[in-house]
mmCIF file of all heavy atoms, coordinates in Angstrom:
data_MODEL
# 
_entry.id   MODEL 
# 
loop_
_atom_site.group_PDB 
_atom_site.id 
_atom_site.type_symbol 
_atom_site.label_atom_id 
_atom_site.label_alt_id 
_atom_site.label_comp_id 
_atom_site.label_asym_id 
_atom_site.label_entity_id 
_atom_site.label_seq_id 
_atom_site.pdbx_PDB_ins_code 
_atom_site.Cartn_x 
_atom_site.Cartn_y 
_atom_site.Cartn_z 
_atom_site.occupancy 
_atom_site.B_iso_or_equiv 
_atom_site.pdbx_formal_charge 
_atom_site.auth_seq_id 
_atom_site.auth_comp_id 
_atom_site.auth_asym_id 
_atom_site.auth_atom_id 
_atom_site.pdbx_PDB_model_num 
ATOM 1   N N   . GLY A 1 1  ? -106.270 123.338 99.561  1.00 0.00 ? 1  GLY A N   1 
ATOM 2   C CA  . GLY A 1 1  ? -106.605 122.905 98.207  1.00 0.00 ? 1  GLY A CA  1 
ATOM 3   C C   . GLY A 1 1  ? -106.273 123.929 97.143  1.00 0.00 ? 1  GLY A C   1 
ATOM 4   O O   . GLY A 1 1  ? -106.483 123.679 95.957  1.00 0.00 ? 1  GLY A O   1 
ATOM 5   N N   . GLN A 1 2  ? -105.734 125.082 97.543  1.00 0.00 ? 2  GLN A N   1 
ATOM 6   C CA  . GLN A 1 2  ? -105.381 126.110 96.563  1.00 0.00 ? 2  GLN A CA  1 
ATOM 7   C C   . GLN A 1 2  ? -104.251 125.627 95.662  1.00 0.00 ? 2  GLN A C   1 
ATOM 8   O O   . GLN A 1 2  ? -103.251 125.086 96.155  1.00 0.00 ? 2  GLN A O   1 
ATOM 9   C CB  . GLN A 1 2  ? -104.972 127.396 97.279  1.00 0.00 ? 2  GLN A CB  1 
ATOM 10  C CG  . GLN A 1 2  ? -104.629 128.552 96.364  1.00 0.00 ? 2  GLN A CG  1 
ATOM 11  C CD  . GLN A 1 2  ? -105.845 129.066 95.585  1.00 0.00 ? 2  GLN A CD  1 
ATOM 12  O OE1 . GLN A 1 2  ? -106.973 128.931 96.034  1.00 0.00 ? 2  GLN A OE1 1 
ATOM 13  N NE2 . GLN A 1 2  ? -105.603 129.650 94.433  1.00 0.00 ? 2  GLN A NE2 1 
ATOM 14  N N   . ARG A 1 3  ? -104.395 125.824 94.360  1.00 0.00 ? 3  ARG A N   1 
ATOM 15  C CA  . ARG A 1 3  ? -103.358 125.373 93.425  1.00 0.00 ? 3  ARG A CA  1 
ATOM 16  C C   . ARG A 1 3  ? -102.945 126.455 92.423  1.00 0.00 ? 3  ARG A C   1 
ATOM 17  O O   . ARG A 1 3  ? -101.990 126.241 91.666  1.00 0.00 ? 3  ARG A O   1 
ATOM 18  C CB  . ARG A 1 3  ? -103.841 124.139 92.651  1.00 0.00 ? 3  ARG A CB  1 
ATOM 19  C CG  . ARG A 1 3  ? -104.024 122.903 93.527  1.00 0.00 ? 3  ARG A CG  1 
ATOM 20  C CD  . ARG A 1 3  ? -102.708 122.417 94.112  1.00 0.00 ? 3  ARG A CD  1 
ATOM 21  N NE  . ARG A 1 3  ? -102.875 121.216 94.913  1.00 0.00 ? 3  ARG A NE  1 
ATOM 22  C CZ  . ARG A 1 3  ? -103.108 121.205 96.230  1.00 0.00 ? 3  ARG A CZ  1 
ATOM 23  N NH1 . ARG A 1 3  ? -103.190 122.365 96.888  1.00 0.00 ? 3  ARG A NH1 1 
ATOM 24  N NH2 . ARG A 1 3  ? -103.247 120.082 96.885  1.00 0.00 ? 3  ARG A NH2 1 
ATOM 25  N N   . VAL A 1 4  ? -103.600 127.587 92.404  1.00 0.00 ? 4  VAL A N   1 
ATOM 26  C CA  . VAL A 1 4  ? -103.255 128.660 91.469  1.00 0.00 ? 4  VAL A CA  1 
ATOM 27  C C   . VAL A 1 4  ? -102.658 129.807 92.269  1.00 0.00 ? 4  VAL A C   1 
ATOM 28  O O   . VAL A 1 4  ? -103.306 130.353 93.165  1.00 0.00 ? 4  VAL A O   1 
ATOM 29  C CB  . VAL A 1 4  ? -104.482 129.142 90.676  1.00 0.00 ? 4  VAL A CB  1 
ATOM 30  C CG1 . VAL A 1 4  ? -104.087 130.233 89.686  1.00 0.00 ? 4  VAL A CG1 1 
ATOM 31  C CG2 . VAL A 1 4  ? -105.152 127.975 89.959  1.00 0.00 ? 4  VAL A CG2 1 
ATOM 32  N N   . PHE A 1 5  ? -101.412 130.155 91.941  1.00 0.00 ? 5  PHE A N   1 
ATOM 33  C CA  . PHE A 1 5  ? -100.687 131.164 92.700  1.00 0.00 ? 5  PHE A CA  1 
ATOM 34  C C   . PHE A 1 5  ? -100.085 132.209 91.772  1.00 0.00 ? 5  PHE A C   1 
ATOM 35  O O   . PHE A 1 5  ? -99.628  131.899 90.667  1.00 0.00 ? 5  PHE A O   1 
ATOM 36  C CB  . PHE A 1 5  ? -99.572  130.522 93.531  1.00 0.00 ? 5  PHE A CB  1 
ATOM 37  C CG  . PHE A 1 5  ? -100.074 129.649 94.649  1.00 0.00 ? 5  PHE A CG  1 
ATOM 38  C CD1 . PHE A 1 5  ? -100.383 128.305 94.426  1.00 0.00 ? 5  PHE A CD1 1 
ATOM 39  C CD2 . PHE A 1 5  ? -100.262 130.168 95.921  1.00 0.00 ? 5  PHE A CD2 1 
ATOM 40  C CE1 . PHE A 1 5  ? -100.862 127.496 95.451  1.00 0.00 ? 5  PHE A CE1 1 
ATOM 41  C CE2 . PHE A 1 5  ? -100.745 129.374 96.955  1.00 0.00 ? 5  PHE A CE2 1 
ATOM 42  C CZ  . PHE A 1 5  ? -101.042 128.039 96.724  1.00 0.00 ? 5  PHE A CZ  1 
ATOM 43  N N   . GLY A 1 6  ? -100.064 133.444 92.239  1.00 0.00 ? 6  GLY A N   1 
ATOM 44  C CA  . GLY A 1 6  ? -99.474  134.545 91.496  1.00 0.00 ? 6  GLY A CA  1 
ATOM 45  C C   . GLY A 1 6  ? -98.237  135.069 92.194  1.00 0.00 ? 6  GLY A C   1 
ATOM 46  O O   . GLY A 1 6  ? -98.231  135.244 93.414  1.00 0.00 ? 6  GLY A O   1 
ATOM 47  N N   . GLU A 1 7  ? -97.200  135.311 91.418  1.00 0.00 ? 7  GLU A N   1 
ATOM 48  C CA  . GLU A 1 7  ? -95.941  135.819 91.949  1.00 0.00 ? 7  GLU A CA  1 
ATOM 49  C C   . GLU A 1 7  ? -95.498  137.038 91.151  1.00 0.00 ? 7  GLU A C   1 
ATOM 50  O O   . GLU A 1 7  ? -95.764  137.135 89.953  1.00 0.00 ? 7  GLU A O   1 
ATOM 51  C CB  . GLU A 1 7  ? -94.854  134.746 91.880  1.00 0.00 ? 7  GLU A CB  1 
ATOM 52  C CG  . GLU A 1 7  ? -95.069  133.564 92.816  1.00 0.00 ? 7  GLU A CG  1 
ATOM 53  C CD  . GLU A 1 7  ? -94.568  133.826 94.231  1.00 0.00 ? 7  GLU A CD  1 
ATOM 54  O OE1 . GLU A 1 7  ? -93.896  134.862 94.444  1.00 0.00 ? 7  GLU A OE1 1 
ATOM 55  O OE2 . GLU A 1 7  ? -94.844  132.982 95.118  1.00 0.00 ? 7  GLU A OE2 1 
ATOM 56  N N   . ASN A 1 8  ? -94.782  137.949 91.815  1.00 0.00 ? 8  ASN A N   1 
ATOM 57  C CA  . ASN A 1 8  ? -94.334  139.184 91.169  1.00 0.00 ? 8  ASN A CA  1 
ATOM 58  C C   . ASN A 1 8  ? -92.933  139.103 90.593  1.00 0.00 ? 8  ASN A C   1 
ATOM 59  O O   . ASN A 1 8  ? -92.639  139.807 89.631  1.00 0.00 ? 8  ASN A O   1 
ATOM 60  C CB  . ASN A 1 8  ? -94.375  140.341 92.166  1.00 0.00 ? 8  ASN A CB  1 
ATOM 61  C CG  . ASN A 1 8  ? -95.712  141.049 92.170  1.00 0.00 ? 8  ASN A CG  1 
ATOM 62  O OD1 . ASN A 1 8  ? -96.759  140.419 92.104  1.00 0.00 ? 8  ASN A OD1 1 
ATOM 63  N ND2 . ASN A 1 8  ? -95.689  142.369 92.233  1.00 0.00 ? 8  ASN A ND2 1 
ATOM 64  N N   . ARG A 1 9  ? -92.085  138.281 91.194  1.00 0.00 ? 9  ARG A N   1 
ATOM 65  C CA  . ARG A 1 9  ? -90.679  138.244 90.780  1.00 0.00 ? 9  ARG A CA  1 
ATOM 66  C C   . ARG A 1 9  ? -90.260  136.822 90.447  1.00 0.00 ? 9  ARG A C   1 
ATOM 67  O O   . ARG A 1 9  ? -90.612  135.871 91.157  1.00 0.00 ? 9  ARG A O   1 
ATOM 68  C CB  . ARG A 1 9  ? -89.779  138.803 91.877  1.00 0.00 ? 9  ARG A CB  1 
ATOM 69  C CG  . ARG A 1 9  ? -90.016  140.278 92.187  1.00 0.00 ? 9  ARG A CG  1 
ATOM 70  C CD  . ARG A 1 9  ? -89.031  140.756 93.242  1.00 0.00 ? 9  ARG A CD  1 
ATOM 71  N NE  . ARG A 1 9  ? -89.155  142.179 93.501  1.00 0.00 ? 9  ARG A NE  1 
ATOM 72  C CZ  . ARG A 1 9  ? -89.929  142.710 94.437  1.00 0.00 ? 9  ARG A CZ  1 
ATOM 73  N NH1 . ARG A 1 9  ? -90.659  141.928 95.207  1.00 0.00 ? 9  ARG A NH1 1 
ATOM 74  N NH2 . ARG A 1 9  ? -89.975  144.023 94.620  1.00 0.00 ? 9  ARG A NH2 1 
ATOM 75  N N   . VAL A 1 10 ? -89.452  136.694 89.399  1.00 0.00 ? 10 VAL A N   1 
ATOM 76  C CA  . VAL A 1 10 ? -89.039  135.375 88.931  1.00 0.00 ? 10 VAL A CA  1 
ATOM 77  C C   . VAL A 1 10 ? -88.232  134.647 89.989  1.00 0.00 ? 10 VAL A C   1 
ATOM 78  O O   . VAL A 1 10 ? -88.522  133.488 90.316  1.00 0.00 ? 10 VAL A O   1 
ATOM 79  C CB  . VAL A 1 10 ? -88.242  135.497 87.618  1.00 0.00 ? 10 VAL A CB  1 
ATOM 80  C CG1 . VAL A 1 10 ? -87.688  134.134 87.207  1.00 0.00 ? 10 VAL A CG1 1 
ATOM 81  C CG2 . VAL A 1 10 ? -89.107  136.078 86.511  1.00 0.00 ? 10 VAL A CG2 1 
ATOM 82  N N   . GLN A 1 11 ? -87.224  135.308 90.560  1.00 0.00 ? 11 GLN A N   1 
ATOM 83  C CA  . GLN A 1 11 ? -86.340  134.623 91.503  1.00 0.00 ? 11 GLN A CA  1 
ATOM 84  C C   . GLN A 1 11 ? -87.071  134.210 92.774  1.00 0.00 ? 11 GLN A C   1 
ATOM 85  O O   . GLN A 1 11 ? -86.854  133.115 93.300  1.00 0.00 ? 11 GLN A O   1 
ATOM 86  C CB  . GLN A 1 11 ? -85.132  135.497 91.830  1.00 0.00 ? 11 GLN A CB  1 
ATOM 87  C CG  . GLN A 1 11 ? -84.120  135.560 90.700  1.00 0.00 ? 11 GLN A CG  1 
ATOM 88  C CD  . GLN A 1 11 ? -82.966  136.502 91.019  1.00 0.00 ? 11 GLN A CD  1 
ATOM 89  O OE1 . GLN A 1 11 ? -83.076  137.715 90.908  1.00 0.00 ? 11 GLN A OE1 1 
ATOM 90  N NE2 . GLN A 1 11 ? -81.858  135.928 91.434  1.00 0.00 ? 11 GLN A NE2 1 
ATOM 91  N N   . GLU A 1 12 ? -87.936  135.068 93.267  1.00 0.00 ? 12 GLU A N   1 
ATOM 92  C CA  . GLU A 1 12 ? -88.692  134.705 94.466  1.00 0.00 ? 12 GLU A CA  1 
ATOM 93  C C   . GLU A 1 12 ? -89.622  133.544 94.174  1.00 0.00 ? 12 GLU A C   1 
ATOM 94  O O   . GLU A 1 12 ? -89.787  132.635 95.000  1.00 0.00 ? 12 GLU A O   1 
ATOM 95  C CB  . GLU A 1 12 ? -89.497  135.902 94.981  1.00 0.00 ? 12 GLU A CB  1 
ATOM 96  C CG  . GLU A 1 12 ? -90.222  135.602 96.288  1.00 0.00 ? 12 GLU A CG  1 
ATOM 97  C CD  . GLU A 1 12 ? -91.098  136.736 96.776  1.00 0.00 ? 12 GLU A CD  1 
ATOM 98  O OE1 . GLU A 1 12 ? -91.180  137.783 96.097  1.00 0.00 ? 12 GLU A OE1 1 
ATOM 99  O OE2 . GLU A 1 12 ? -91.713  136.560 97.838  1.00 0.00 ? 12 GLU A OE2 1 
ATOM 100 N N   . ALA A 1 13 ? -90.229  133.544 93.007  1.00 0.00 ? 13 ALA A N   1 
ATOM 101 C CA  . ALA A 1 13 ? -91.108  132.440 92.624  1.00 0.00 ? 13 ALA A CA  1 
ATOM 102 C C   . ALA A 1 13 ? -90.329  131.129 92.528  1.00 0.00 ? 13 ALA A C   1 
ATOM 103 O O   . ALA A 1 13 ? -90.832  130.063 92.915  1.00 0.00 ? 13 ALA A O   1 
ATOM 104 C CB  . ALA A 1 13 ? -91.791  132.753 91.302  1.00 0.00 ? 13 ALA A CB  1 
ATOM 105 N N   . GLN A 1 14 ? -89.112  131.190 92.007  1.00 0.00 ? 14 GLN A N   1 
ATOM 106 C CA  . GLN A 1 14 ? -88.285  129.988 91.943  1.00 0.00 ? 14 GLN A CA  1 
ATOM 107 C C   . GLN A 1 14 ? -88.030  129.433 93.337  1.00 0.00 ? 14 GLN A C   1 
ATOM 108 O O   . GLN A 1 14 ? -88.118  128.225 93.573  1.00 0.00 ? 14 GLN A O   1 
ATOM 109 C CB  . GLN A 1 14 ? -86.955  130.303 91.246  1.00 0.00 ? 14 GLN A CB  1 
ATOM 110 C CG  . GLN A 1 14 ? -87.091  130.533 89.752  1.00 0.00 ? 14 GLN A CG  1 
ATOM 111 C CD  . GLN A 1 14 ? -85.812  131.049 89.117  1.00 0.00 ? 14 GLN A CD  1 
ATOM 112 O OE1 . GLN A 1 14 ? -85.032  131.765 89.762  1.00 0.00 ? 14 GLN A OE1 1 
ATOM 113 N NE2 . GLN A 1 14 ? -85.597  130.714 87.860  1.00 0.00 ? 14 GLN A NE2 1 
ATOM 114 N N   . ALA A 1 15 ? -87.733  130.334 94.279  1.00 0.00 ? 15 ALA A N   1 
ATOM 115 C CA  . ALA A 1 15 ? -87.486  129.902 95.655  1.00 0.00 ? 15 ALA A CA  1 
ATOM 116 C C   . ALA A 1 15 ? -88.740  129.293 96.279  1.00 0.00 ? 15 ALA A C   1 
ATOM 117 O O   . ALA A 1 15 ? -88.663  128.327 97.041  1.00 0.00 ? 15 ALA A O   1 
ATOM 118 C CB  . ALA A 1 15 ? -86.996  131.083 96.488  1.00 0.00 ? 15 ALA A CB  1 
ATOM 119 N N   . HIS A 1 16 ? -89.888  129.861 95.957  1.00 0.00 ? 16 HIS A N   1 
ATOM 120 C CA  . HIS A 1 16 ? -91.139  129.373 96.527  1.00 0.00 ? 16 HIS A CA  1 
ATOM 121 C C   . HIS A 1 16 ? -91.572  128.027 95.963  1.00 0.00 ? 16 HIS A C   1 
ATOM 122 O O   . HIS A 1 16 ? -92.070  127.166 96.694  1.00 0.00 ? 16 HIS A O   1 
ATOM 123 C CB  . HIS A 1 16 ? -92.266  130.381 96.257  1.00 0.00 ? 16 HIS A CB  1 
ATOM 124 C CG  . HIS A 1 16 ? -92.333  131.507 97.237  1.00 0.00 ? 16 HIS A CG  1 
ATOM 125 N ND1 . HIS A 1 16 ? -93.135  132.618 97.034  1.00 0.00 ? 16 HIS A ND1 1 
ATOM 126 C CD2 . HIS A 1 16 ? -91.716  131.706 98.428  1.00 0.00 ? 16 HIS A CD2 1 
ATOM 127 C CE1 . HIS A 1 16 ? -92.999  133.444 98.063  1.00 0.00 ? 16 HIS A CE1 1 
ATOM 128 N NE2 . HIS A 1 16 ? -92.151  132.910 98.912  1.00 0.00 ? 16 HIS A NE2 1 
ATOM 129 N N   . TRP A 1 17 ? -91.417  127.837 94.649  1.00 0.00 ? 17 TRP A N   1 
ATOM 130 C CA  . TRP A 1 17 ? -92.152  126.775 93.983  1.00 0.00 ? 17 TRP A CA  1 
ATOM 131 C C   . TRP A 1 17 ? -91.326  125.723 93.270  1.00 0.00 ? 17 TRP A C   1 
ATOM 132 O O   . TRP A 1 17 ? -91.856  124.648 92.946  1.00 0.00 ? 17 TRP A O   1 
ATOM 133 C CB  . TRP A 1 17 ? -93.133  127.393 92.983  1.00 0.00 ? 17 TRP A CB  1 
ATOM 134 C CG  . TRP A 1 17 ? -94.087  128.314 93.646  1.00 0.00 ? 17 TRP A CG  1 
ATOM 135 C CD1 . TRP A 1 17 ? -94.136  129.678 93.548  1.00 0.00 ? 17 TRP A CD1 1 
ATOM 136 C CD2 . TRP A 1 17 ? -95.131  127.956 94.567  1.00 0.00 ? 17 TRP A CD2 1 
ATOM 137 N NE1 . TRP A 1 17 ? -95.128  130.191 94.335  1.00 0.00 ? 17 TRP A NE1 1 
ATOM 138 C CE2 . TRP A 1 17 ? -95.762  129.156 94.963  1.00 0.00 ? 17 TRP A CE2 1 
ATOM 139 C CE3 . TRP A 1 17 ? -95.590  126.728 95.070  1.00 0.00 ? 17 TRP A CE3 1 
ATOM 140 C CZ2 . TRP A 1 17 ? -96.831  129.155 95.866  1.00 0.00 ? 17 TRP A CZ2 1 
ATOM 141 C CZ3 . TRP A 1 17 ? -96.653  126.739 95.956  1.00 0.00 ? 17 TRP A CZ3 1 
ATOM 142 C CH2 . TRP A 1 17 ? -97.255  127.938 96.345  1.00 0.00 ? 17 TRP A CH2 1 
ATOM 143 N N   . ALA A 1 18 ? -90.061  125.979 92.990  1.00 0.00 ? 18 ALA A N   1 
ATOM 144 C CA  . ALA A 1 18 ? -89.279  125.017 92.198  1.00 0.00 ? 18 ALA A CA  1 
ATOM 145 C C   . ALA A 1 18 ? -89.286  123.632 92.832  1.00 0.00 ? 18 ALA A C   1 
ATOM 146 O O   . ALA A 1 18 ? -89.468  122.616 92.141  1.00 0.00 ? 18 ALA A O   1 
ATOM 147 C CB  . ALA A 1 18 ? -87.849  125.518 92.026  1.00 0.00 ? 18 ALA A CB  1 
ATOM 148 N N   . ASP A 1 19 ? -89.115  123.553 94.147  1.00 0.00 ? 19 ASP A N   1 
ATOM 149 C CA  . ASP A 1 19 ? -89.067  122.255 94.820  1.00 0.00 ? 19 ASP A CA  1 
ATOM 150 C C   . ASP A 1 19 ? -90.445  121.693 95.138  1.00 0.00 ? 19 ASP A C   1 
ATOM 151 O O   . ASP A 1 19 ? -90.576  120.534 95.516  1.00 0.00 ? 19 ASP A O   1 
ATOM 152 C CB  . ASP A 1 19 ? -88.271  122.370 96.122  1.00 0.00 ? 19 ASP A CB  1 
ATOM 153 C CG  . ASP A 1 19 ? -86.795  122.650 95.882  1.00 0.00 ? 19 ASP A CG  1 
ATOM 154 O OD1 . ASP A 1 19 ? -86.324  122.362 94.759  1.00 0.00 ? 19 ASP A OD1 1 
ATOM 155 O OD2 . ASP A 1 19 ? -86.122  123.153 96.797  1.00 0.00 ? 19 ASP A OD2 1 
ATOM 156 N N   . ARG A 1 20 ? -91.489  122.497 94.986  1.00 0.00 ? 20 ARG A N   1 
ATOM 157 C CA  . ARG A 1 20 ? -92.843  122.034 95.307  1.00 0.00 ? 20 ARG A CA  1 
ATOM 158 C C   . ARG A 1 20 ? -93.564  121.470 94.089  1.00 0.00 ? 20 ARG A C   1 
ATOM 159 O O   . ARG A 1 20 ? -94.595  120.816 94.224  1.00 0.00 ? 20 ARG A O   1 
ATOM 160 C CB  . ARG A 1 20 ? -93.664  123.179 95.903  1.00 0.00 ? 20 ARG A CB  1 
ATOM 161 C CG  . ARG A 1 20 ? -93.221  123.576 97.310  1.00 0.00 ? 20 ARG A CG  1 
ATOM 162 C CD  . ARG A 1 20 ? -94.108  124.661 97.911  1.00 0.00 ? 20 ARG A CD  1 
ATOM 163 N NE  . ARG A 1 20 ? -93.877  124.814 99.329  1.00 0.00 ? 20 ARG A NE  1 
ATOM 164 C CZ  . ARG A 1 20 ? -93.033  125.701 99.870  1.00 0.00 ? 20 ARG A CZ  1 
ATOM 165 N NH1 . ARG A 1 20 ? -92.359  126.523 99.078  1.00 0.00 ? 20 ARG A NH1 1 
ATOM 166 N NH2 . ARG A 1 20 ? -92.852  125.760 101.174 1.00 0.00 ? 20 ARG A NH2 1 
ATOM 167 N N   . ARG A 1 21 ? -93.051  121.722 92.921  1.00 0.00 ? 21 ARG A N   1 
ATOM 168 C CA  . ARG A 1 21 ? -93.739  121.284 91.697  1.00 0.00 ? 21 ARG A CA  1 
ATOM 169 C C   . ARG A 1 21 ? -93.950  119.771 91.676  1.00 0.00 ? 21 ARG A C   1 
ATOM 170 O O   . ARG A 1 21 ? -95.018  119.295 91.285  1.00 0.00 ? 21 ARG A O   1 
ATOM 171 C CB  . ARG A 1 21 ? -92.927  121.708 90.479  1.00 0.00 ? 21 ARG A CB  1 
ATOM 172 C CG  . ARG A 1 21 ? -93.186  123.155 90.060  1.00 0.00 ? 21 ARG A CG  1 
ATOM 173 C CD  . ARG A 1 21 ? -93.676  123.126 88.632  1.00 0.00 ? 21 ARG A CD  1 
ATOM 174 N NE  . ARG A 1 21 ? -93.833  124.462 88.098  1.00 0.00 ? 21 ARG A NE  1 
ATOM 175 C CZ  . ARG A 1 21 ? -94.986  124.903 87.595  1.00 0.00 ? 21 ARG A CZ  1 
ATOM 176 N NH1 . ARG A 1 21 ? -96.052  124.147 87.618  1.00 0.00 ? 21 ARG A NH1 1 
ATOM 177 N NH2 . ARG A 1 21 ? -95.062  126.101 87.080  1.00 0.00 ? 21 ARG A NH2 1 
ATOM 178 N N   . ALA A 1 22 ? -92.948  119.003 92.082  1.00 0.00 ? 22 ALA A N   1 
ATOM 179 C CA  . ALA A 1 22 ? -93.061  117.548 92.015  1.00 0.00 ? 22 ALA A CA  1 
ATOM 180 C C   . ALA A 1 22 ? -94.179  117.039 92.914  1.00 0.00 ? 22 ALA A C   1 
ATOM 181 O O   . ALA A 1 22 ? -94.900  116.096 92.564  1.00 0.00 ? 22 ALA A O   1 
ATOM 182 C CB  . ALA A 1 22 ? -91.737  116.904 92.399  1.00 0.00 ? 22 ALA A CB  1 
ATOM 183 N N   . ALA A 1 23 ? -94.345  117.678 94.070  1.00 0.00 ? 23 ALA A N   1 
ATOM 184 C CA  . ALA A 1 23 ? -95.366  117.238 95.020  1.00 0.00 ? 23 ALA A CA  1 
ATOM 185 C C   . ALA A 1 23 ? -96.768  117.683 94.615  1.00 0.00 ? 23 ALA A C   1 
ATOM 186 O O   . ALA A 1 23 ? -97.760  117.080 95.050  1.00 0.00 ? 23 ALA A O   1 
ATOM 187 C CB  . ALA A 1 23 ? -95.035  117.759 96.417  1.00 0.00 ? 23 ALA A CB  1 
ATOM 188 N N   . PHE A 1 24 ? -96.838  118.741 93.800  1.00 0.00 ? 24 PHE A N   1 
ATOM 189 C CA  . PHE A 1 24 ? -98.137  119.297 93.402  1.00 0.00 ? 24 PHE A CA  1 
ATOM 190 C C   . PHE A 1 24 ? -98.172  119.464 91.882  1.00 0.00 ? 24 PHE A C   1 
ATOM 191 O O   . PHE A 1 24 ? -98.018  120.567 91.359  1.00 0.00 ? 24 PHE A O   1 
ATOM 192 C CB  . PHE A 1 24 ? -98.384  120.633 94.106  1.00 0.00 ? 24 PHE A CB  1 
ATOM 193 C CG  . PHE A 1 24 ? -98.419  120.531 95.600  1.00 0.00 ? 24 PHE A CG  1 
ATOM 194 C CD1 . PHE A 1 24 ? -97.295  120.803 96.351  1.00 0.00 ? 24 PHE A CD1 1 
ATOM 195 C CD2 . PHE A 1 24 ? -99.585  120.132 96.251  1.00 0.00 ? 24 PHE A CD2 1 
ATOM 196 C CE1 . PHE A 1 24 ? -97.324  120.700 97.735  1.00 0.00 ? 24 PHE A CE1 1 
ATOM 197 C CE2 . PHE A 1 24 ? -99.627  120.030 97.634  1.00 0.00 ? 24 PHE A CE2 1 
ATOM 198 C CZ  . PHE A 1 24 ? -98.490  120.302 98.384  1.00 0.00 ? 24 PHE A CZ  1 
ATOM 199 N N   . PRO A 1 25 ? -98.365  118.375 91.151  1.00 0.00 ? 25 PRO A N   1 
ATOM 200 C CA  . PRO A 1 25 ? -98.321  118.440 89.684  1.00 0.00 ? 25 PRO A CA  1 
ATOM 201 C C   . PRO A 1 25 ? -99.433  119.292 89.080  1.00 0.00 ? 25 PRO A C   1 
ATOM 202 O O   . PRO A 1 25 ? -99.331  119.693 87.916  1.00 0.00 ? 25 PRO A O   1 
ATOM 203 C CB  . PRO A 1 25 ? -98.450  116.974 89.254  1.00 0.00 ? 25 PRO A CB  1 
ATOM 204 C CG  . PRO A 1 25 ? -99.071  116.279 90.425  1.00 0.00 ? 25 PRO A CG  1 
ATOM 205 C CD  . PRO A 1 25 ? -98.578  116.993 91.633  1.00 0.00 ? 25 PRO A CD  1 
# 
């Protein structure tokens, strides 16, 4: 149920979350 995440680098965050945004609005 966690929905708030912290990332240190822009590119790594893009890899982690860009495709997950649609599934977790």
